[in-house]
Amino acid sequence: MASKRTLSFTTILAALVGLCMVAGVLVWQTWRASQISDQGRVPIGGPFSLVDHTGKPVTEKSWPGKHLLVYFGYTYCPDVCPADLQNMSLALTTLEKENPKAAAEIQPLFITIDPERDTVPALKDYVSLFHPRLVGLTGTPEQIEAAKKSYRVYAVKREEEGASDYLMDHTALIYLISPKGEYEAHFTSNTPPAVMAKRLGELAG
C-alpha cells in the first residue's frame, strides 16, 4: 500500500509541475504579446543561418524583398503547432484568392525549436502537410538558439521521469517581418485565419 501511495503522490506532483510550467509559458507569452503590441517597433527578428527542408543553407536574406511570416515550433508537437500552422496556411490561402499580389510578397517559414529530432527529412515530410510554400528550417543547436534569441522566443524541453519521449514548452506566436528585417505584426493562436489574411494583405499589399 505504501508503494501505491508513493506512486500516486509522485504522479500528482509531476502533473502539478507540468501544469505550473504550462501556466508559466502562457503568462510569459501573454506578457510578451502585450509588450509587442504596446511598444511599436521592437527588437523582434534578425539574422539567422539555418538549413531548409531540402538541405539548402539559408539566411534571413534568402528571400529578398519578401515579408517573412515566421513560426517557431516542432514536428512532435501534439496540438498547438499543427493548429497554428493550419491557421497560417488557411490565412495565406484566403489571401491568395483575395489579393494574390500581396500573398506573393509573403514567405512562410517554420523554424524548429527541436533540432535534435527535426532533421531535414523530418521537416520535409512535416511541411508537406501545410501550405505548399511553407519552408521548414533546422540547424545545429547553436544555430537554433541564435534564431530563437533574435526572435525573443522561449522554448524549453519538458521531460517526465520514466518517459521515453519529451515535449517542448514554447512561445506560440506568428511573426511578420518586413523586407527590411523589421517587426511588422504578430498573430496568436486565437487569431482567426480571415483576420490574419486581412492584416497580411494590408501590410504586404
C-alpha atoms as a PDB file:
ATOM      1  CA  MET A   1       0.000   0.000   0.000  1.00  0.00           C
ATOM      2  CA  ALA A   2       2.833   2.410   0.827  1.00  0.00           C
ATOM      3  CA  SER A   3       4.291   1.856  -2.629  1.00  0.00           C
ATOM      4  CA  LYS A   4       0.963   2.732  -4.284  1.00  0.00           C
ATOM      5  CA  ARG A   5       0.616   5.876  -2.194  1.00  0.00           C
ATOM      6  CA  THR A   6       4.149   6.936  -3.146  1.00  0.00           C
ATOM      7  CA  LEU A   7       3.442   6.384  -6.831  1.00  0.00           C
ATOM      8  CA  SER A   8       0.219   8.324  -6.601  1.00  0.00           C
ATOM      9  CA  PHE A   9       1.936  11.242  -4.871  1.00  0.00           C
ATOM     10  CA  THR A  10       4.746  11.243  -7.446  1.00  0.00           C
ATOM     11  CA  THR A  11       2.269  11.223 -10.314  1.00  0.00           C
ATOM     12  CA  ILE A  12       0.259  14.072  -8.831  1.00  0.00           C
ATOM     13  CA  LEU A  13       3.411  16.083  -8.142  1.00  0.00           C
ATOM     14  CA  ALA A  14       4.633  15.592 -11.713  1.00  0.00           C
ATOM     15  CA  ALA A  15       1.251  16.689 -13.056  1.00  0.00           C
ATOM     16  CA  LEU A  16       1.277  19.810 -10.885  1.00  0.00           C
ATOM     17  CA  VAL A  17       4.781  20.703 -12.008  1.00  0.00           C
ATOM     18  CA  GLY A  18       3.719  20.262 -15.631  1.00  0.00           C
ATOM     19  CA  LEU A  19       0.678  22.497 -15.139  1.00  0.00           C
ATOM     20  CA  CYS A  20       2.817  25.165 -13.484  1.00  0.00           C
ATOM     21  CA  MET A  21       5.228  25.122 -16.431  1.00  0.00           C
ATOM     22  CA  VAL A  22       2.393  25.438 -18.938  1.00  0.00           C
ATOM     23  CA  ALA A  23       0.864  28.278 -16.917  1.00  0.00           C
ATOM     24  CA  GLY A  24       4.241  29.992 -16.799  1.00  0.00           C
ATOM     25  CA  VAL A  25       4.591  29.801 -20.573  1.00  0.00           C
ATOM     26  CA  LEU A  26       1.088  31.216 -21.067  1.00  0.00           C
ATOM     27  CA  VAL A  27       1.741  34.105 -18.688  1.00  0.00           C
ATOM     28  CA  TRP A  28       5.074  34.860 -20.345  1.00  0.00           C
ATOM     29  CA  GLN A  29       3.515  34.657 -23.807  1.00  0.00           C
ATOM     30  CA  THR A  30       0.676  36.986 -22.858  1.00  0.00           C
ATOM     31  CA  TRP A  31       3.144  39.461 -21.383  1.00  0.00           C
ATOM     32  CA  ARG A  32       5.352  39.270 -24.484  1.00  0.00           C
ATOM     33  CA  ALA A  33       2.385  39.821 -26.781  1.00  0.00           C
ATOM     34  CA  SER A  34       1.363  42.889 -24.779  1.00  0.00           C
ATOM     35  CA  GLN A  35       4.907  44.240 -24.943  1.00  0.00           C
ATOM     36  CA  ILE A  36       4.960  43.799 -28.711  1.00  0.00           C
ATOM     37  CA  SER A  37       1.559  45.440 -29.079  1.00  0.00           C
ATOM     38  CA  ASP A  38       2.365  48.417 -26.877  1.00  0.00           C
ATOM     39  CA  GLN A  39       5.872  49.320 -27.969  1.00  0.00           C
ATOM     40  CA  GLY A  40       5.541  49.737 -31.731  1.00  0.00           C
ATOM     41  CA  ARG A  41       8.934  48.916 -33.189  1.00  0.00           C
ATOM     42  CA  VAL A  42      10.528  46.187 -31.117  1.00  0.00           C
ATOM     43  CA  PRO A  43      13.710  44.130 -31.445  1.00  0.00           C
ATOM     44  CA  ILE A  44      11.935  41.082 -32.879  1.00  0.00           C
ATOM     45  CA  GLY A  45      13.565  39.300 -35.806  1.00  0.00           C
ATOM     46  CA  GLY A  46      17.116  39.375 -37.026  1.00  0.00           C
ATOM     47  CA  PRO A  47      19.833  37.303 -38.644  1.00  0.00           C
ATOM     48  CA  PHE A  48      19.831  33.529 -38.760  1.00  0.00           C
ATOM     49  CA  SER A  49      21.842  30.871 -40.584  1.00  0.00           C
ATOM     50  CA  LEU A  50      19.943  27.602 -40.988  1.00  0.00           C
ATOM     51  CA  VAL A  51      19.182  24.748 -43.402  1.00  0.00           C
ATOM     52  CA  ASP A  52      15.857  24.363 -45.197  1.00  0.00           C
ATOM     53  CA  HIS A  53      13.852  21.155 -45.619  1.00  0.00           C
ATOM     54  CA  THR A  54      15.657  20.371 -48.883  1.00  0.00           C
ATOM     55  CA  GLY A  55      19.082  20.584 -47.237  1.00  0.00           C
ATOM     56  CA  LYS A  56      19.925  24.010 -48.664  1.00  0.00           C
ATOM     57  CA  PRO A  57      21.708  26.537 -46.389  1.00  0.00           C
ATOM     58  CA  VAL A  58      19.654  29.730 -45.997  1.00  0.00           C
ATOM     59  CA  THR A  59      19.714  33.007 -44.083  1.00  0.00           C
ATOM     60  CA  GLU A  60      17.151  35.712 -43.442  1.00  0.00           C
ATOM     61  CA  LYS A  61      18.334  37.285 -46.733  1.00  0.00           C
ATOM     62  CA  SER A  62      17.461  34.251 -48.849  1.00  0.00           C
ATOM     63  CA  TRP A  63      14.073  35.770 -49.760  1.00  0.00           C
ATOM     64  CA  PRO A  64      14.950  39.332 -50.836  1.00  0.00           C
ATOM     65  CA  GLY A  65      12.043  41.738 -50.960  1.00  0.00           C
ATOM     66  CA  LYS A  66       9.715  39.343 -49.147  1.00  0.00           C
ATOM     67  CA  HIS A  67       7.817  39.693 -45.894  1.00  0.00           C
ATOM     68  CA  LEU A  68       8.711  36.707 -43.700  1.00  0.00           C
ATOM     69  CA  LEU A  69       5.854  35.012 -41.845  1.00  0.00           C
ATOM     70  CA  VAL A  70       7.694  33.100 -39.135  1.00  0.00           C
ATOM     71  CA  TYR A  71       6.551  30.447 -36.675  1.00  0.00           C
ATOM     72  CA  PHE A  72       8.715  28.563 -34.172  1.00  0.00           C
ATOM     73  CA  GLY A  73       7.597  25.058 -33.214  1.00  0.00           C
ATOM     74  CA  TYR A  74       8.454  21.385 -33.580  1.00  0.00           C
ATOM     75  CA  THR A  75       7.183  18.415 -35.543  1.00  0.00           C
ATOM     76  CA  TYR A  76       6.418  16.277 -32.485  1.00  0.00           C
ATOM     77  CA  CYS A  77       4.076  18.953 -31.101  1.00  0.00           C
ATOM     78  CA  PRO A  78       0.737  17.222 -30.468  1.00  0.00           C
ATOM     79  CA  ASP A  79      -1.652  20.150 -30.757  1.00  0.00           C
ATOM     80  CA  VAL A  80      -0.639  23.830 -30.747  1.00  0.00           C
ATOM     81  CA  CYS A  81       1.901  23.772 -33.592  1.00  0.00           C
ATOM     82  CA  PRO A  82      -0.222  21.939 -36.164  1.00  0.00           C
ATOM     83  CA  ALA A  83      -3.238  24.091 -35.268  1.00  0.00           C
ATOM     84  CA  ASP A  84      -1.249  27.323 -35.635  1.00  0.00           C
ATOM     85  CA  LEU A  85       0.359  26.207 -38.893  1.00  0.00           C
ATOM     86  CA  GLN A  86      -3.048  25.219 -40.229  1.00  0.00           C
ATOM     87  CA  ASN A  87      -4.415  28.666 -39.384  1.00  0.00           C
ATOM     88  CA  MET A  88      -1.408  30.275 -41.050  1.00  0.00           C
ATOM     89  CA  SER A  89      -1.950  28.131 -44.145  1.00  0.00           C
ATOM     90  CA  LEU A  90      -5.651  28.995 -44.290  1.00  0.00           C
ATOM     91  CA  ALA A  91      -4.839  32.697 -43.962  1.00  0.00           C
ATOM     92  CA  LEU A  92      -2.367  32.517 -46.855  1.00  0.00           C
ATOM     93  CA  THR A  93      -4.790  30.523 -48.997  1.00  0.00           C
ATOM     94  CA  THR A  94      -7.504  33.107 -48.328  1.00  0.00           C
ATOM     95  CA  LEU A  95      -5.127  35.945 -49.181  1.00  0.00           C
ATOM     96  CA  GLU A  96      -4.075  34.208 -52.405  1.00  0.00           C
ATOM     97  CA  LYS A  97      -7.703  34.242 -53.509  1.00  0.00           C
ATOM     98  CA  GLU A  98      -8.491  37.792 -52.389  1.00  0.00           C
ATOM     99  CA  ASN A  99      -5.186  39.533 -53.051  1.00  0.00           C
ATOM    100  CA  PRO A 100      -2.738  37.301 -54.941  1.00  0.00           C
ATOM    101  CA  LYS A 101      -0.225  40.128 -55.388  1.00  0.00           C
ATOM    102  CA  ALA A 102       0.077  40.654 -51.624  1.00  0.00           C
ATOM    103  CA  ALA A 103       0.193  36.905 -50.980  1.00  0.00           C
ATOM    104  CA  ALA A 104       3.119  36.546 -53.382  1.00  0.00           C
ATOM    105  CA  GLU A 105       5.074  39.022 -51.256  1.00  0.00           C
ATOM    106  CA  ILE A 106       4.920  36.763 -48.175  1.00  0.00           C
ATOM    107  CA  GLN A 107       7.220  33.823 -47.469  1.00  0.00           C
ATOM    108  CA  PRO A 108       6.008  31.486 -44.688  1.00  0.00           C
ATOM    109  CA  LEU A 109       8.716  29.868 -42.539  1.00  0.00           C
ATOM    110  CA  PHE A 110       8.604  27.170 -39.868  1.00  0.00           C
ATOM    111  CA  ILE A 111      11.703  27.183 -37.634  1.00  0.00           C
ATOM    112  CA  THR A 112      12.147  24.185 -35.373  1.00  0.00           C
ATOM    113  CA  ILE A 113      12.958  24.561 -31.692  1.00  0.00           C
ATOM    114  CA  ASP A 114      13.823  20.849 -31.548  1.00  0.00           C
ATOM    115  CA  PRO A 115      16.817  20.286 -33.863  1.00  0.00           C
ATOM    116  CA  GLU A 116      17.618  17.031 -32.066  1.00  0.00           C
ATOM    117  CA  ARG A 117      14.634  15.324 -33.704  1.00  0.00           C
ATOM    118  CA  ASP A 118      13.675  17.715 -36.503  1.00  0.00           C
ATOM    119  CA  THR A 119      16.126  16.670 -39.184  1.00  0.00           C
ATOM    120  CA  VAL A 120      15.900  17.766 -42.813  1.00  0.00           C
ATOM    121  CA  PRO A 121      13.889  14.642 -43.851  1.00  0.00           C
ATOM    122  CA  ALA A 122      11.545  15.038 -40.862  1.00  0.00           C
ATOM    123  CA  LEU A 123      10.866  18.665 -41.758  1.00  0.00           C
ATOM    124  CA  LYS A 124      10.331  17.816 -45.422  1.00  0.00           C
ATOM    125  CA  ASP A 125       7.565  15.383 -44.508  1.00  0.00           C
ATOM    126  CA  TYR A 126       6.041  17.737 -41.966  1.00  0.00           C
ATOM    127  CA  VAL A 127       5.801  20.946 -44.013  1.00  0.00           C
ATOM    128  CA  SER A 128       4.169  18.998 -46.860  1.00  0.00           C
ATOM    129  CA  LEU A 129       1.087  18.761 -44.623  1.00  0.00           C
ATOM    130  CA  PHE A 130       0.526  22.522 -44.718  1.00  0.00           C
ATOM    131  CA  HIS A 131       0.796  25.380 -47.198  1.00  0.00           C
ATOM    132  CA  PRO A 132       2.734  24.421 -50.353  1.00  0.00           C
ATOM    133  CA  ARG A 133       5.075  27.390 -49.972  1.00  0.00           C
ATOM    134  CA  LEU A 134       5.881  26.731 -46.306  1.00  0.00           C
ATOM    135  CA  VAL A 135       9.626  26.269 -45.797  1.00  0.00           C
ATOM    136  CA  GLY A 136      10.911  24.279 -42.823  1.00  0.00           C
ATOM    137  CA  LEU A 137      14.191  25.323 -41.229  1.00  0.00           C
ATOM    138  CA  THR A 138      16.533  23.479 -38.905  1.00  0.00           C
ATOM    139  CA  GLY A 139      20.200  23.618 -37.915  1.00  0.00           C
ATOM    140  CA  THR A 140      22.626  22.902 -35.141  1.00  0.00           C
ATOM    141  CA  PRO A 141      21.506  23.559 -31.557  1.00  0.00           C
ATOM    142  CA  GLU A 142      23.704  26.672 -31.579  1.00  0.00           C
ATOM    143  CA  GLN A 143      22.127  27.975 -34.781  1.00  0.00           C
ATOM    144  CA  ILE A 144      18.621  27.374 -33.446  1.00  0.00           C
ATOM    145  CA  GLU A 145      19.482  29.142 -30.193  1.00  0.00           C
ATOM    146  CA  ALA A 146      20.722  32.154 -32.182  1.00  0.00           C
ATOM    147  CA  ALA A 147      17.479  32.272 -34.190  1.00  0.00           C
ATOM    148  CA  LYS A 148      15.395  31.981 -31.016  1.00  0.00           C
ATOM    149  CA  LYS A 149      17.356  34.816 -29.469  1.00  0.00           C
ATOM    150  CA  SER A 150      16.739  37.047 -32.499  1.00  0.00           C
ATOM    151  CA  TYR A 151      13.002  36.488 -32.196  1.00  0.00           C
ATOM    152  CA  ARG A 152      12.886  36.514 -28.389  1.00  0.00           C
ATOM    153  CA  VAL A 153      11.412  33.002 -28.470  1.00  0.00           C
ATOM    154  CA  TYR A 154      11.078  30.980 -25.284  1.00  0.00           C
ATOM    155  CA  ALA A 155      11.484  27.204 -25.584  1.00  0.00           C
ATOM    156  CA  VAL A 156      12.396  24.530 -23.040  1.00  0.00           C
ATOM    157  CA  LYS A 157      12.377  20.732 -23.094  1.00  0.00           C
ATOM    158  CA  ARG A 158       9.880  19.111 -20.719  1.00  0.00           C
ATOM    159  CA  GLU A 159      10.813  15.564 -19.775  1.00  0.00           C
ATOM    160  CA  GLU A 160       8.811  13.317 -17.465  1.00  0.00           C
ATOM    161  CA  GLU A 161      10.559  10.726 -15.368  1.00  0.00           C
ATOM    162  CA  GLY A 162      10.400   7.304 -16.959  1.00  0.00           C
ATOM    163  CA  ALA A 163       9.066   8.611 -20.275  1.00  0.00           C
ATOM    164  CA  SER A 164      10.857   7.643 -23.488  1.00  0.00           C
ATOM    165  CA  ASP A 165       9.927  10.884 -25.231  1.00  0.00           C
ATOM    166  CA  TYR A 166       9.575  14.557 -24.385  1.00  0.00           C
ATOM    167  CA  LEU A 167       7.539  17.662 -25.208  1.00  0.00           C
ATOM    168  CA  MET A 168       8.609  21.277 -25.634  1.00  0.00           C
ATOM    169  CA  ASP A 169       7.093  24.286 -23.889  1.00  0.00           C
ATOM    170  CA  HIS A 170       7.468  27.264 -26.212  1.00  0.00           C
ATOM    171  CA  THR A 171       6.258  30.598 -27.466  1.00  0.00           C
ATOM    172  CA  ALA A 172       3.377  30.191 -29.908  1.00  0.00           C
ATOM    173  CA  LEU A 173       3.312  33.419 -31.907  1.00  0.00           C
ATOM    174  CA  ILE A 174       3.386  34.000 -35.663  1.00  0.00           C
ATOM    175  CA  TYR A 175       5.625  36.938 -36.586  1.00  0.00           C
ATOM    176  CA  LEU A 176       5.539  39.062 -39.724  1.00  0.00           C
ATOM    177  CA  ILE A 177       8.907  40.617 -40.567  1.00  0.00           C
ATOM    178  CA  SER A 178       9.280  43.287 -43.243  1.00  0.00           C
ATOM    179  CA  PRO A 179      11.649  43.045 -46.226  1.00  0.00           C
ATOM    180  CA  LYS A 180      13.934  45.385 -44.250  1.00  0.00           C
ATOM    181  CA  GLY A 181      14.068  42.895 -41.404  1.00  0.00           C
ATOM    182  CA  GLU A 182      11.809  44.886 -39.084  1.00  0.00           C
ATOM    183  CA  TYR A 183       8.920  43.587 -36.977  1.00  0.00           C
ATOM    184  CA  GLU A 184       5.538  44.420 -38.527  1.00  0.00           C
ATOM    185  CA  ALA A 185       2.929  42.370 -36.683  1.00  0.00           C
ATOM    186  CA  HIS A 186       2.262  39.184 -34.767  1.00  0.00           C
ATOM    187  CA  PHE A 187      -0.636  36.774 -34.506  1.00  0.00           C
ATOM    188  CA  THR A 188      -1.649  34.421 -31.703  1.00  0.00           C
ATOM    189  CA  SER A 189      -3.303  31.018 -31.660  1.00  0.00           C
ATOM    190  CA  ASN A 190      -6.625  32.839 -31.205  1.00  0.00           C
ATOM    191  CA  THR A 191      -6.316  34.931 -34.368  1.00  0.00           C
ATOM    192  CA  PRO A 192      -8.920  33.752 -36.916  1.00  0.00           C
ATOM    193  CA  PRO A 193      -7.414  32.992 -40.357  1.00  0.00           C
ATOM    194  CA  ALA A 194      -9.682  35.584 -42.001  1.00  0.00           C
ATOM    195  CA  VAL A 195      -8.428  38.292 -39.634  1.00  0.00           C
ATOM    196  CA  MET A 196      -4.838  37.232 -40.240  1.00  0.00           C
ATOM    197  CA  ALA A 197      -5.366  37.296 -44.007  1.00  0.00           C
ATOM    198  CA  LYS A 198      -6.834  40.793 -43.878  1.00  0.00           C
ATOM    199  CA  ARG A 199      -3.932  42.141 -41.824  1.00  0.00           C
ATOM    200  CA  LEU A 200      -1.347  40.444 -44.032  1.00  0.00           C
ATOM    201  CA  GLY A 201      -2.978  41.998 -47.083  1.00  0.00           C
ATOM    202  CA  GLU A 202      -2.821  45.448 -45.514  1.00  0.00           C
ATOM    203  CA  LEU A 203       0.874  45.127 -44.666  1.00  0.00           C
ATOM    204  CA  ALA A 204       2.160  43.297 -47.745  1.00  0.00           C
ATOM    205  CA  GLY A 205      -0.188  44.725 -50.348  1.00  0.00           C
END
